Amino acid sequence: MKKLLFRADDLGYSEGVNYGIEKSVKAGLIRSVGVMMNMPATEHGIALLQESDIAFGQHTNICIGRPLSDPKTIPSLVDESGQFKSSKVYRQAQEDFVVFDEAIIEINAQYQQFLSYFQRKPDYFEGHAIASATFFKALEHFAATHGLTYSGLPAGAEPNALKADAFIFVNQTKVYLTMESMNPAYNPYATFSHLVENLHDDGVHMMIFHPGYLDAFLLENSSLVVPRTQEVVFLTDPKIATYLKEEKIECIDYRAF
């Protein structure tokens, strides 16, 4: 049986995002959710899903909101007000300005917050995509040091531009990644159709989503807006679940690795 994993990122980004993820989880297709540990809406999002039988991951974030560690200890990651530098700053930078040891400090602070909220290790561990190879090296190092299931980027892949033929290994399982939400012509139904028509037999296919509803905070801070609402529609469409069942495509979560 071919295997497919639907993952939702950004729980905690805003209350609107949280409600969109909640609806997608309760519709049954999303069974792996990445939590942003430093956001004001994090507790709200966790409360919505705390009774759900899903895999929770640490969606480590260093480009929106305030850090959980002391900003004075991570100067390469923050601006003059102590807020994280934005993803736009990362995209426009001529070189990778992230300091490895500083990234480790904030990664650990967010990890400790995850342990505090859930009383256990995350089911998987990864990072909110930004243009910093150093950040992803720090994530991989931290995961190896703490025995975490790391789900990073394929070698050479650009953040936010993962195609179906890009793959990584998660606990020795080959995982093909697809995430096209940043594509101007993105249509989740078209992406899904292309994906299932080209499933591989030697691993698991993962489609990464950012479902959510729009609110003031999201509109003021995120470049990913309308696709979030489109993904809620797709992920709550009963025809998708019916199709997967008829085609004998098994939906799994990170706990299967």
Protein backbone atom coordinates (compact mmCIF):
# COMPACT_ATOMS: atom_id res chain seq x y z
CA MET A 1 0.00 0.00 0.00
CA LYS A 2 1.34 3.43 -0.94
CA LYS A 3 1.71 5.89 1.92
CA LEU A 4 0.95 9.57 2.23
CA LEU A 5 1.52 12.00 5.10
CA PHE A 6 -0.35 15.31 5.27
CA ARG A 7 1.40 17.80 7.59
CA ALA A 8 0.11 21.16 8.82
CA ASP A 9 2.64 23.78 9.90
CA ASP A 10 2.27 26.97 11.97
CA LEU A 11 -0.05 26.10 14.87
CA GLY A 12 0.20 29.14 17.12
CA TYR A 13 0.90 31.70 14.37
CA SER A 14 -2.47 33.35 15.05
CA GLU A 15 -5.91 32.41 16.29
CA GLY A 16 -7.22 32.41 12.70
CA VAL A 17 -4.51 29.95 11.69
CA ASN A 18 -5.30 27.82 14.73
CA TYR A 19 -8.97 27.56 13.82
CA GLY A 20 -8.13 26.54 10.26
CA ILE A 21 -5.75 23.84 11.47
CA GLU A 22 -8.31 22.63 14.01
CA LYS A 23 -10.96 22.22 11.32
CA SER A 24 -8.51 20.39 9.06
CA VAL A 25 -7.49 18.01 11.86
CA LYS A 26 -11.08 17.25 12.78
CA ALA A 27 -11.89 16.47 9.15
CA GLY A 28 -9.38 13.62 9.46
CA LEU A 29 -6.69 14.24 6.85
CA ILE A 30 -4.20 16.21 8.95
CA ARG A 31 -2.59 13.97 11.57
CA SER A 32 0.75 15.76 12.02
CA VAL A 33 0.85 19.35 13.26
CA GLY A 34 3.90 21.56 13.80
CA VAL A 35 3.67 23.95 16.74
CA MET A 36 5.35 27.37 16.87
CA MET A 37 6.41 27.63 20.49
CA ASN A 38 7.06 31.37 20.86
CA MET A 39 3.83 32.94 19.63
CA PRO A 40 1.06 34.61 21.67
CA ALA A 41 -1.52 32.22 20.15
CA THR A 42 0.44 29.03 20.91
CA GLU A 43 -1.50 28.11 24.04
CA HIS A 44 -4.77 28.78 22.22
CA GLY A 45 -3.82 26.42 19.40
CA ILE A 46 -2.67 23.64 21.71
CA ALA A 47 -5.90 23.91 23.70
CA LEU A 48 -7.95 23.42 20.53
CA LEU A 49 -6.15 20.18 19.67
CA GLN A 50 -5.05 18.75 23.00
CA GLU A 51 -7.57 15.90 22.82
CA SER A 52 -6.73 14.98 19.21
CA ASP A 53 -4.86 11.76 18.45
CA ILE A 54 -2.23 13.33 16.21
CA ALA A 55 1.53 13.75 16.04
CA PHE A 56 2.74 17.07 17.43
CA GLY A 57 6.03 18.47 16.19
CA GLN A 58 8.24 21.40 17.16
CA HIS A 59 8.01 23.84 14.25
CA THR A 60 11.04 25.85 15.32
CA ASN A 61 10.66 29.51 14.41
CA ILE A 62 13.26 32.31 14.29
CA CYS A 63 11.59 34.80 11.94
CA ILE A 64 8.35 36.00 13.57
CA GLY A 65 7.56 37.25 17.08
CA ARG A 66 9.82 37.45 20.11
CA PRO A 67 12.38 34.78 21.04
CA LEU A 68 11.96 32.66 24.14
CA SER A 69 15.62 33.14 25.03
CA ASP A 70 17.13 36.45 26.13
CA PRO A 71 17.55 38.59 22.97
CA LYS A 72 20.93 39.75 24.30
CA THR A 73 22.25 36.19 23.94
CA ILE A 74 21.18 35.85 20.28
CA PRO A 75 22.05 39.17 18.58
CA SER A 76 22.35 37.64 15.11
CA LEU A 77 18.69 36.57 15.20
CA VAL A 78 16.98 39.72 16.45
CA ASP A 79 16.49 43.35 15.48
CA GLU A 80 17.03 46.41 17.65
CA SER A 81 13.66 45.91 19.37
CA GLY A 82 14.43 42.32 20.38
CA GLN A 83 12.04 40.83 17.82
CA PHE A 84 13.15 38.09 15.44
CA LYS A 85 14.43 39.35 12.12
CA SER A 86 11.75 38.75 9.47
CA SER A 87 11.86 36.17 6.70
CA LYS A 88 12.19 39.11 4.28
CA VAL A 89 15.47 40.08 5.95
CA TYR A 90 16.72 36.52 5.45
CA ARG A 91 15.70 36.51 1.78
CA GLN A 92 17.39 39.83 1.06
CA ALA A 93 20.62 39.09 2.94
CA GLN A 94 23.75 38.68 0.86
CA GLU A 95 25.14 36.06 3.23
CA ASP A 96 23.95 33.77 6.01
CA PHE A 97 24.12 35.93 9.14
CA VAL A 98 22.87 33.31 11.63
CA VAL A 99 25.43 32.35 14.29
CA PHE A 100 25.31 28.60 14.97
CA ASP A 101 25.68 28.79 18.76
CA GLU A 102 23.00 31.48 18.99
CA ALA A 103 20.60 29.36 16.93
CA ILE A 104 21.20 26.48 19.35
CA ILE A 105 20.31 28.73 22.30
CA GLU A 106 16.91 29.64 20.83
CA ILE A 107 16.22 26.14 19.52
CA ASN A 108 16.76 24.81 23.03
CA ALA A 109 14.52 27.48 24.57
CA GLN A 110 11.71 26.46 22.23
CA TYR A 111 12.38 22.79 22.91
CA GLN A 112 12.10 23.37 26.66
CA GLN A 113 8.81 25.18 26.05
CA PHE A 114 7.53 22.18 24.07
CA LEU A 115 8.45 19.87 26.96
CA SER A 116 6.64 22.20 29.34
CA TYR A 117 3.44 22.22 27.27
CA PHE A 118 3.32 18.53 26.32
CA GLN A 119 5.34 16.82 29.07
CA ARG A 120 7.12 14.72 26.42
CA LYS A 121 9.43 15.03 23.43
CA PRO A 122 7.96 16.17 20.11
CA ASP A 123 6.89 13.40 17.73
CA TYR A 124 9.01 15.15 15.12
CA PHE A 125 11.30 18.15 14.96
CA GLU A 126 11.88 20.66 12.16
CA GLY A 127 12.06 24.37 11.35
CA HIS A 128 10.00 27.19 9.90
CA ALA A 129 11.60 27.67 6.49
CA ILE A 130 13.99 30.60 6.07
CA ALA A 131 17.03 31.16 3.89
CA SER A 132 19.69 30.09 6.39
CA ALA A 133 21.73 26.92 5.99
CA THR A 134 23.25 27.55 9.45
CA PHE A 135 19.81 27.42 11.06
CA PHE A 136 19.08 24.03 9.52
CA LYS A 137 22.52 22.71 10.50
CA ALA A 138 21.77 23.77 14.08
CA LEU A 139 18.39 22.02 13.98
CA GLU A 140 19.95 18.81 12.69
CA HIS A 141 22.69 18.94 15.32
CA PHE A 142 20.22 19.59 18.13
CA ALA A 143 17.97 16.75 16.99
CA ALA A 144 20.88 14.30 16.87
CA THR A 145 22.07 15.41 20.31
CA HIS A 146 18.62 14.97 21.88
CA GLY A 147 17.46 11.85 20.03
CA LEU A 148 14.67 13.60 18.12
CA THR A 149 13.01 12.57 14.85
CA TYR A 150 14.37 15.25 12.54
CA SER A 151 12.48 16.16 9.38
CA GLY A 152 14.59 18.72 7.56
CA LEU A 153 15.11 19.96 4.04
CA PRO A 154 16.54 17.86 1.22
CA ALA A 155 20.13 18.71 0.32
CA GLY A 156 20.20 21.73 -1.95
CA ALA A 157 16.47 22.42 -1.67
CA GLU A 158 15.24 25.98 -1.38
CA PRO A 159 12.97 26.77 1.58
CA ASN A 160 9.31 27.07 0.56
CA ALA A 161 9.92 25.44 -2.83
CA LEU A 162 9.79 21.70 -2.30
CA LYS A 163 8.83 19.57 -5.29
CA ALA A 164 7.59 16.00 -5.33
CA ASP A 165 10.95 14.61 -6.47
CA ALA A 166 12.82 16.12 -3.51
CA PHE A 167 13.36 13.66 -0.69
CA ILE A 168 14.88 13.22 2.74
CA PHE A 169 15.27 10.30 5.11
CA VAL A 170 13.34 10.27 8.38
CA ASN A 171 14.50 7.45 10.66
CA GLN A 172 15.76 5.55 7.60
CA THR A 173 12.43 5.99 5.76
CA LYS A 174 12.64 7.75 2.40
CA VAL A 175 10.23 10.69 2.40
CA TYR A 176 9.32 12.64 -0.75
CA LEU A 177 8.29 16.21 0.03
CA THR A 178 5.89 18.52 -1.78
CA MET A 179 5.03 22.08 -0.76
CA GLU A 180 3.81 24.49 -3.42
CA SER A 181 1.77 26.96 -1.38
CA MET A 182 4.19 29.81 -2.16
CA ASN A 183 3.70 29.29 -5.90
CA PRO A 184 1.62 32.19 -7.35
CA ALA A 185 -0.48 29.71 -9.35
CA TYR A 186 -0.92 27.31 -6.44
CA ASN A 187 -4.02 25.12 -6.38
CA PRO A 188 -3.98 22.39 -3.70
CA TYR A 189 -6.25 20.17 -5.79
CA ALA A 190 -3.87 20.35 -8.76
CA THR A 191 -0.82 19.73 -6.56
CA PHE A 192 -2.53 16.75 -4.97
CA SER A 193 -3.59 15.30 -8.34
CA HIS A 194 -0.05 15.51 -9.67
CA LEU A 195 1.27 13.96 -6.49
CA VAL A 196 -0.98 10.91 -6.43
CA GLU A 197 -0.46 10.30 -10.14
CA ASN A 198 3.28 10.04 -9.52
CA LEU A 199 3.58 8.17 -6.23
CA HIS A 200 6.80 6.26 -5.64
CA ASP A 201 6.88 2.73 -4.25
CA ASP A 202 10.08 3.15 -2.26
CA GLY A 203 8.96 5.59 0.43
CA VAL A 204 6.37 7.92 1.91
CA HIS A 205 5.03 11.03 0.20
CA MET A 206 4.54 14.11 2.35
CA MET A 207 2.45 17.12 1.36
CA ILE A 208 3.06 20.13 3.59
CA PHE A 209 0.17 22.52 4.26
CA HIS A 210 -0.37 25.81 6.09
CA PRO A 211 -4.16 25.81 6.60
CA GLY A 212 -5.75 28.76 8.34
CA TYR A 213 -8.30 31.52 8.35
CA LEU A 214 -7.42 35.17 7.95
CA ASP A 215 -7.16 37.57 10.87
CA ALA A 216 -5.50 40.94 11.44
CA PHE A 217 -2.25 39.52 12.80
CA LEU A 218 -1.80 37.17 9.84
CA LEU A 219 -2.59 39.88 7.28
CA GLU A 220 -0.06 42.21 8.89
CA ASN A 221 2.77 39.67 9.24
CA SER A 222 2.57 36.87 6.67
CA SER A 223 3.14 36.78 2.93
CA LEU A 224 1.19 33.51 2.79
CA VAL A 225 -2.47 34.46 2.98
CA VAL A 226 -5.09 33.20 0.49
CA PRO A 227 -3.50 29.74 0.04
CA ARG A 228 -4.14 29.04 3.72
CA THR A 229 -7.89 29.36 3.21
CA GLN A 230 -7.74 27.29 0.02
CA GLU A 231 -6.02 24.52 1.93
CA VAL A 232 -8.74 24.44 4.60
CA VAL A 233 -11.28 23.87 1.82
CA PHE A 234 -9.17 21.09 0.31
CA LEU A 235 -8.40 19.37 3.60
CA THR A 236 -12.05 19.34 4.69
CA ASP A 237 -13.37 18.12 1.32
CA PRO A 238 -14.83 14.62 1.89
CA LYS A 239 -14.08 13.70 -1.72
CA ILE A 240 -10.35 13.68 -0.93
CA ALA A 241 -10.73 11.18 1.90
CA THR A 242 -12.99 9.02 -0.27
CA TYR A 243 -10.47 9.06 -3.11
CA LEU A 244 -7.61 7.99 -0.84
CA LYS A 245 -9.68 5.12 0.53
CA GLU A 246 -10.74 3.94 -2.92
CA GLU A 247 -7.16 4.10 -4.23
CA LYS A 248 -5.87 2.24 -1.15
CA ILE A 249 -3.47 5.03 -0.23
CA GLU A 250 -2.64 4.84 3.47
CA CYS A 251 -2.53 8.11 5.43
CA ILE A 252 0.07 8.03 8.21
CA ASP A 253 1.64 10.46 10.67
CA TYR A 254 5.18 10.87 12.01
CA ARG A 255 4.60 8.29 14.73
CA ALA A 256 4.72 5.61 12.02
CA PHE A 257 8.42 6.28 11.34
